[in-house]
Protein backbone atom coordinates (compact mmCIF):
# COMPACT_ATOMS: atom_id res chain seq x y z
CA MET A 1 -7.38 -7.12 13.03
CA ILE A 2 -4.26 -6.64 10.90
CA THR A 3 -2.86 -9.81 9.35
CA ILE A 4 -0.20 -8.37 7.04
CA ASP A 5 3.00 -6.98 8.58
CA PHE A 6 3.35 -3.62 6.83
CA ARG A 7 7.00 -3.37 7.88
CA LYS A 8 7.75 -6.06 5.30
CA LEU A 9 6.22 -4.09 2.41
CA ASP A 10 8.97 -1.43 2.18
CA ILE A 11 6.39 1.30 1.54
CA LEU A 12 7.59 4.72 0.35
CA PRO A 13 5.74 8.03 -0.15
CA GLU A 14 3.84 8.09 -3.46
CA ASP A 15 3.60 4.28 -3.50
CA ARG A 16 0.38 2.88 -4.97
CA ILE A 17 -1.18 0.20 -2.73
CA LEU A 18 -4.05 -2.12 -3.65
CA ASP A 19 -5.96 -3.98 -0.94
CA ILE A 20 -7.98 -6.48 -2.98
CA GLY A 21 -10.77 -8.26 -1.14
CA CYS A 22 -10.60 -5.50 1.43
CA GLY A 23 -13.66 -6.67 3.38
CA GLU A 24 -14.53 -3.96 5.88
CA GLY A 25 -11.25 -2.17 5.30
CA ARG A 26 -8.80 -3.13 8.03
CA HIS A 27 -5.78 -3.26 5.69
CA THR A 28 -7.03 -0.34 3.58
CA ILE A 29 -7.06 1.82 6.72
CA LYS A 30 -3.56 0.66 7.63
CA ALA A 31 -2.35 1.45 4.10
CA CYS A 32 -3.87 4.93 4.41
CA GLN A 33 -1.84 5.48 7.58
CA GLN A 34 1.40 5.15 5.61
CA ASN A 35 2.88 8.52 4.68
CA GLY A 36 2.00 9.87 1.23
CA THR A 37 0.53 6.66 -0.18
CA ILE A 38 -2.07 6.32 -2.92
CA CYS A 39 -4.49 3.62 -1.77
CA ILE A 40 -7.25 1.60 -3.37
CA GLY A 41 -9.54 -0.69 -1.43
CA ALA A 42 -11.46 -3.15 -3.61
CA ASP A 43 -13.97 -5.90 -2.96
CA PHE A 44 -16.45 -8.06 -4.88
CA ILE A 45 -19.21 -7.34 -2.34
CA PHE A 46 -20.50 -3.77 -2.45
CA LYS A 47 -21.74 -3.65 1.14
CA ASN A 48 -18.17 -4.30 2.32
CA LEU A 49 -17.09 -1.14 0.52
CA ILE A 50 -19.85 0.82 2.26
CA GLU A 51 -18.48 -0.33 5.64
CA THR A 52 -14.93 0.51 4.54
CA LYS A 53 -16.06 4.00 3.52
CA LYS A 54 -17.61 4.55 6.96
CA LYS A 55 -14.38 3.51 8.65
CA ILE A 56 -12.29 5.77 6.42
CA GLU A 57 -14.55 8.70 7.26
CA PHE A 58 -14.23 7.85 10.97
CA HIS A 59 -10.42 7.86 10.76
CA GLN A 60 -10.45 11.04 8.67
CA ALA A 61 -12.40 12.69 11.47
CA LEU A 62 -9.68 11.53 13.88
CA ASN A 63 -7.07 12.96 11.50
CA ASP A 64 -4.93 9.83 11.72
CA LEU A 65 -4.62 9.05 7.99
CA SER A 66 -1.43 10.06 6.16
CA CYS A 67 -2.18 8.95 2.60
CA LYS A 68 -2.23 11.24 -0.42
CA SER A 69 -5.51 9.75 -1.65
CA VAL A 70 -7.82 6.75 -1.18
CA ASP A 71 -10.43 5.28 -3.50
CA LEU A 72 -12.82 2.35 -3.19
CA SER A 73 -14.07 0.18 -6.03
CA CYS A 74 -16.10 -2.98 -6.60
CA MET A 75 -14.21 -5.52 -8.72
CA ASP A 76 -13.43 -9.16 -9.42
CA VAL A 77 -9.94 -10.35 -8.43
CA THR A 78 -9.81 -12.59 -11.52
CA LYS A 79 -10.41 -9.60 -13.85
CA LEU A 80 -8.65 -6.59 -12.35
CA PRO A 81 -9.21 -3.34 -14.33
CA PHE A 82 -5.62 -2.11 -14.04
CA LYS A 83 -2.71 -1.89 -16.44
CA ASN A 84 0.33 -4.11 -16.05
CA ARG A 85 2.77 -3.01 -13.34
CA SER A 86 0.42 -0.47 -11.77
CA PHE A 87 1.09 -1.01 -8.04
CA ASP A 88 4.01 -0.91 -5.62
CA SER A 89 2.27 -3.16 -3.06
CA VAL A 90 -0.61 -5.59 -3.50
CA ILE A 91 -2.38 -7.02 -0.45
CA CYS A 92 -4.64 -10.05 -0.78
CA SER A 93 -5.67 -11.16 2.70
CA GLU A 94 -8.02 -14.11 3.30
CA VAL A 95 -9.33 -14.02 -0.29
CA LEU A 96 -7.89 -16.86 -2.40
CA GLU A 97 -9.69 -19.59 -0.43
CA HIS A 98 -13.00 -18.09 -1.64
CA ILE A 99 -12.09 -17.92 -5.34
CA LEU A 100 -13.03 -20.71 -7.75
CA ASP A 101 -10.25 -19.88 -10.24
CA ASP A 102 -7.52 -19.02 -7.76
CA ALA A 103 -4.77 -19.47 -10.38
CA ARG A 104 -6.34 -16.74 -12.51
CA ALA A 105 -6.58 -14.52 -9.43
CA ILE A 106 -2.88 -15.04 -8.60
CA SER A 107 -1.95 -14.28 -12.20
CA GLU A 108 -3.82 -10.97 -11.98
CA LEU A 109 -2.19 -10.03 -8.66
CA VAL A 110 1.27 -10.53 -10.14
CA ARG A 111 0.40 -8.85 -13.44
CA ILE A 112 -0.51 -5.52 -11.85
CA LEU A 113 2.53 -5.50 -9.53
CA LYS A 114 5.64 -3.51 -10.47
CA SER A 115 9.00 -5.27 -10.80
CA LYS A 116 10.90 -5.70 -7.51
CA LYS A 117 7.75 -4.78 -5.55
CA ILE A 118 5.82 -6.73 -2.93
CA LEU A 119 2.80 -9.03 -2.99
CA ALA A 120 1.43 -10.01 0.44
CA VAL A 121 -0.99 -12.94 0.63
CA SER A 122 -2.68 -14.54 3.60
CA VAL A 123 -4.89 -17.64 3.72
CA PRO A 124 -6.19 -19.85 6.53
CA ARG A 125 -3.45 -22.13 7.86
CA PHE A 126 -3.89 -25.80 6.95
CA TRP A 127 -4.40 -27.60 10.25
CA PRO A 128 -6.57 -25.04 12.12
CA GLU A 129 -8.70 -24.76 8.99
CA LYS A 130 -8.92 -28.54 8.65
CA ILE A 131 -10.37 -28.77 12.17
CA CYS A 132 -13.05 -26.23 11.22
CA TRP A 133 -13.97 -28.33 8.17
CA LEU A 134 -14.17 -31.49 10.27
CA LEU A 135 -16.38 -29.83 12.88
CA SER A 136 -18.91 -28.25 10.54
CA ASP A 137 -20.17 -28.80 6.99
CA GLU A 138 -21.87 -25.41 7.19
CA TYR A 139 -18.53 -23.68 7.62
CA PHE A 140 -17.26 -24.41 4.12
CA ASN A 141 -20.60 -24.90 2.32
CA ALA A 142 -21.89 -21.41 3.11
CA ASN A 143 -22.36 -18.86 0.33
CA MET A 144 -18.97 -17.30 -0.48
CA GLY A 145 -17.45 -19.90 1.86
CA HIS A 146 -14.03 -21.55 1.74
CA LEU A 147 -13.47 -23.70 -1.35
CA ARG A 148 -10.14 -25.29 -0.44
CA ILE A 149 -7.46 -25.64 2.23
CA TYR A 150 -3.93 -24.60 1.31
CA LYS A 151 -0.66 -26.19 2.32
CA LYS A 152 2.22 -23.77 2.72
CA LYS A 153 4.80 -25.34 0.38
CA SER A 154 2.38 -26.01 -2.45
CA LEU A 155 0.88 -22.52 -2.27
CA ILE A 156 4.32 -20.90 -2.34
CA LYS A 157 5.25 -23.02 -5.37
CA THR A 158 2.03 -22.07 -7.15
CA ILE A 159 2.41 -18.34 -6.55
CA GLU A 160 6.11 -18.40 -7.49
CA SER A 161 5.21 -20.00 -10.82
CA PHE A 162 3.67 -16.68 -11.89
CA GLY A 163 6.95 -14.76 -11.64
CA VAL A 164 7.55 -13.81 -8.03
CA LYS A 165 9.96 -14.99 -5.34
CA HIS A 166 8.89 -15.90 -1.81
CA TYR A 167 11.08 -14.15 0.78
CA ALA A 168 9.23 -14.19 4.10
CA SER A 169 6.35 -15.80 5.98
CA HIS A 170 4.76 -15.98 9.40
CA TYR A 171 1.56 -17.04 11.16
CA ALA A 172 -1.05 -14.79 12.75
CA HIS A 173 -4.11 -14.71 15.02
CA SER A 174 -3.49 -17.70 17.28
CA ILE A 175 -6.11 -16.57 19.80
CA HIS A 176 -8.73 -16.62 17.03
CA ALA A 177 -8.28 -20.31 16.19
CA PRO A 178 -10.07 -21.73 19.28
CA PHE A 179 -12.91 -19.25 18.72
CA TRP A 180 -13.58 -20.66 15.26
CA TRP A 181 -13.32 -24.26 16.48
CA LEU A 182 -15.87 -23.48 19.18
CA LYS A 183 -18.11 -21.66 16.72
CA CYS A 184 -17.98 -24.56 14.27
CA PHE A 185 -18.66 -27.08 17.05
CA VAL A 186 -21.90 -25.39 18.16
CA GLY A 187 -22.89 -24.33 14.62
CA PRO A 188 -21.44 -21.38 12.65
CA ASP A 189 -24.79 -19.62 12.34
CA ARG A 190 -25.86 -19.89 15.97
CA THR A 191 -26.11 -16.62 17.90
CA ASP A 192 -27.32 -17.99 21.25
CA SER A 193 -24.21 -19.87 22.38
CA LYS A 194 -22.92 -18.30 25.60
CA PRO A 195 -19.34 -19.68 25.26
CA VAL A 196 -19.08 -18.36 21.68
CA ASN A 197 -20.51 -14.97 22.62
CA LEU A 198 -18.17 -14.67 25.61
CA TYR A 199 -15.16 -15.55 23.46
CA HIS A 200 -16.29 -13.02 20.86
CA ARG A 201 -16.45 -10.35 23.57
CA LEU A 202 -12.88 -11.23 24.49
CA LEU A 203 -11.75 -10.80 20.88
CA VAL A 204 -13.55 -7.48 20.54
CA TRP A 205 -11.96 -6.30 23.80
CA ASP A 206 -8.56 -7.36 22.50
CA LEU A 207 -9.14 -5.53 19.21
CA MET A 208 -10.31 -2.31 20.84
CA LYS A 209 -8.04 -2.13 23.89
CA LYS A 210 -4.93 -3.87 22.51
CA PRO A 211 -3.72 -5.10 25.92
CA LYS A 212 -0.11 -6.26 26.17
CA ILE A 213 -1.04 -9.62 27.70
CA THR A 214 -3.05 -10.86 24.70
CA ALA A 215 -0.45 -9.48 22.29
CA ILE A 216 2.25 -11.48 24.10
CA ILE A 217 0.12 -14.64 24.18
CA ASP A 218 -0.75 -14.28 20.50
CA LYS A 219 2.89 -13.79 19.51
CA LEU A 220 4.07 -16.79 21.55
CA LEU A 221 1.37 -19.10 20.20
CA ASN A 222 1.39 -17.98 16.55
CA PRO A 223 4.11 -20.40 15.39
CA VAL A 224 2.02 -23.34 16.65
CA LEU A 225 -1.58 -22.13 16.73
CA GLY A 226 -1.72 -19.18 14.32
CA LYS A 227 -4.90 -19.37 12.25
CA SER A 228 -3.56 -17.43 9.26
CA LEU A 229 -0.58 -18.19 7.05
CA VAL A 230 0.99 -14.97 5.74
CA LEU A 231 3.33 -15.01 2.73
CA TYR A 232 5.42 -12.26 1.13
CA PHE A 233 6.72 -12.28 -2.44
CA LYS A 234 8.87 -9.95 -4.55
CA LYS A 235 8.21 -9.70 -8.27
CA LEU A 236 11.14 -10.72 -10.44
């Protein structure tokens, strides 16, 4: 499930790309499919890196990666172990809402980015996320759960204050929003809900088969129902 639009990153061969908070590696894999790139996938949770490694090995076996190299590392987004201006693209997807000191994290993301290069950030969109919070206390009180809900204008202003300029935005994953509302309504940790399990099967089918019909529906509904807010910034 790719949230970031890689066409907006202006990636060139030899570009260094960091996917921080890579989870199970969806954006790391996509970065590795860009010609000649040098990619790093990083996450605070080690088991996520194990899953990312498995997926990289799977794609290597398929011979569909075009990167020059890829490395994985466990690290804290508020204390990144890189020199200033080390990366041509920095991806931070669905991470900031989990971080206690999000201002420090943003400062680090900008610090390691080269001048005139791109930072891509995604967070849960305000109103779909607000419904999840209203439906379930467990949703945001869980370990490593969501600490805050962002509003678009205020988040742009905050990130720009660290020395970047916002130049593009969009919404993503509209068909995922009702799934999370349903999941929160029945209880986020329940595994025996037939409606939730059926919806999950639909999402897995969509992810694996990529049918045109769901892609069209998702694109049409994203401006209104998109669950994720995606922002793009260029360093000054």
